[in-house]
Protein backbone atom coordinates (compact mmCIF):
# COMPACT_ATOMS: atom_id res chain seq x y z
CA MET A 1 -63.65 -11.91 59.48
CA THR A 2 -64.37 -8.88 61.58
CA PRO A 3 -67.88 -8.66 63.05
CA CYS A 4 -69.94 -5.85 61.52
CA ASP A 5 -72.61 -3.78 63.28
CA THR A 6 -73.92 -1.98 60.20
CA LEU A 7 -74.20 -2.30 56.45
CA ALA A 8 -71.60 0.48 56.25
CA ASP A 9 -69.20 -1.74 58.22
CA VAL A 10 -69.82 -4.61 55.78
CA ARG A 11 -69.23 -2.36 52.79
CA SER A 12 -66.08 -0.93 54.30
CA ALA A 13 -64.70 -4.43 54.87
CA ILE A 14 -65.57 -5.41 51.30
CA ASP A 15 -63.88 -2.25 50.01
CA GLN A 16 -60.70 -3.18 51.90
CA ILE A 17 -60.78 -6.69 50.43
CA ASP A 18 -61.29 -5.23 46.95
CA VAL A 19 -58.13 -3.14 47.33
CA MET A 20 -56.20 -6.29 48.22
CA LEU A 21 -57.74 -8.24 45.33
CA VAL A 22 -56.83 -5.55 42.81
CA GLY A 23 -53.29 -5.50 44.16
CA LEU A 24 -53.06 -9.26 43.74
CA LEU A 25 -54.49 -9.03 40.20
CA ALA A 26 -51.84 -6.43 39.37
CA GLU A 27 -49.11 -8.74 40.67
CA ARG A 28 -50.57 -11.72 38.78
CA GLY A 29 -50.67 -9.57 35.66
CA ARG A 30 -46.97 -8.79 35.97
CA TYR A 31 -46.22 -12.52 36.02
CA VAL A 32 -48.49 -13.09 33.03
CA HIS A 33 -46.54 -10.38 31.23
CA GLU A 34 -43.32 -12.25 32.04
CA ALA A 35 -44.75 -15.60 30.93
CA ALA A 36 -45.25 -14.28 27.40
CA ARG A 37 -41.47 -14.11 27.00
CA PHE A 38 -41.15 -17.87 27.40
CA LYS A 39 -43.87 -18.99 25.01
CA ARG A 40 -43.18 -19.70 21.35
CA ASN A 41 -46.70 -19.47 19.92
CA LYS A 42 -50.36 -18.69 20.63
CA ALA A 43 -51.13 -22.31 21.49
CA GLU A 44 -48.65 -22.09 24.36
CA VAL A 45 -50.29 -18.84 25.47
CA ALA A 46 -53.74 -20.49 25.63
CA ALA A 47 -52.33 -23.54 27.50
CA PRO A 48 -55.63 -25.38 28.12
CA ASP A 49 -53.94 -28.01 30.31
CA ARG A 50 -52.53 -25.25 32.53
CA VAL A 51 -55.94 -23.56 32.69
CA ARG A 52 -57.53 -26.78 33.95
CA GLN A 53 -54.71 -27.22 36.48
CA VAL A 54 -55.15 -23.67 37.83
CA ILE A 55 -58.92 -24.05 38.12
CA ASP A 56 -58.60 -27.43 39.84
CA LYS A 57 -56.18 -25.94 42.39
CA ALA A 58 -58.49 -22.97 42.97
CA LEU A 59 -61.44 -25.32 43.54
CA ASN A 60 -59.42 -27.34 46.04
CA HIS A 61 -58.51 -24.12 47.88
CA ALA A 62 -62.17 -23.07 47.79
CA ARG A 63 -63.23 -26.32 49.44
CA GLU A 64 -60.50 -26.02 52.09
CA MET A 65 -61.34 -22.38 52.85
CA GLY A 66 -65.13 -22.63 52.71
CA ALA A 67 -65.53 -20.47 49.60
CA PRO A 68 -68.41 -21.24 47.24
CA PRO A 69 -66.82 -23.40 44.50
CA GLU A 70 -69.21 -22.17 41.80
CA VAL A 71 -68.19 -18.55 42.48
CA VAL A 72 -64.50 -19.40 42.60
CA GLU A 73 -64.72 -21.29 39.32
CA ALA A 74 -66.65 -18.50 37.59
CA VAL A 75 -64.20 -15.85 38.82
CA TYR A 76 -61.18 -17.92 37.80
CA ARG A 77 -62.54 -18.71 34.35
CA SER A 78 -63.24 -15.04 33.73
CA MET A 79 -59.88 -13.94 35.13
CA ILE A 80 -57.95 -16.54 33.14
CA THR A 81 -59.74 -15.62 29.92
CA ALA A 82 -58.87 -11.95 30.43
CA PHE A 83 -55.25 -12.74 31.29
CA ILE A 84 -54.88 -15.04 28.27
CA GLU A 85 -56.03 -12.16 26.05
CA LEU A 86 -53.56 -9.84 27.76
CA GLU A 87 -50.75 -12.38 27.39
CA ALA A 88 -51.61 -13.00 23.74
CA HIS A 89 -51.27 -9.27 23.03
CA GLN A 90 -47.97 -9.17 24.90
CA HIS A 91 -46.75 -12.23 23.01
CA GLU A 92 -47.67 -10.56 19.70
CA ARG A 93 -45.79 -7.39 20.67
CA LEU A 94 -42.72 -9.39 21.62
CA ALA A 95 -42.86 -11.42 18.39
CA SER A 96 -43.22 -8.24 16.34
CA ALA A 97 -40.25 -6.69 18.11
CA VAL A 98 -38.13 -9.77 17.41
CA LEU A 99 -39.11 -9.72 13.74
CA ALA A 100 -38.33 -6.01 13.52
CA ASP A 101 -34.91 -6.59 15.11
CA GLU A 102 -34.19 -9.45 12.70
CA GLY A 103 -35.21 -7.25 9.76
CA THR A 104 -32.89 -4.49 10.94
CA MET A 105 -29.98 -6.91 11.28
CA ALA A 106 -30.59 -8.40 7.83
CA GLY A 107 -30.74 -4.97 6.18
């Protein structure tokens, strides 16, 4: 952390972190998009066991790094919910495309 002399310095540092966070969310989103290709149904998209595993890991990292666990958990739960919705839509698009291809081949 860089020492700040003014509120403007604090806000500037936060803005820089936000740019990095959005970049990481974009990268995570690309992997979520890829994951949809490997899942056979909506239950696999929701993956509650995986959700718990991801949150547990995040909480462990929070403790190690001195981040407030309640904030980390809230952010992760919100992020995961949004990404599951995104992945579900991607999964539906892929399933529809497969069905359309199968219909074209059968006709």
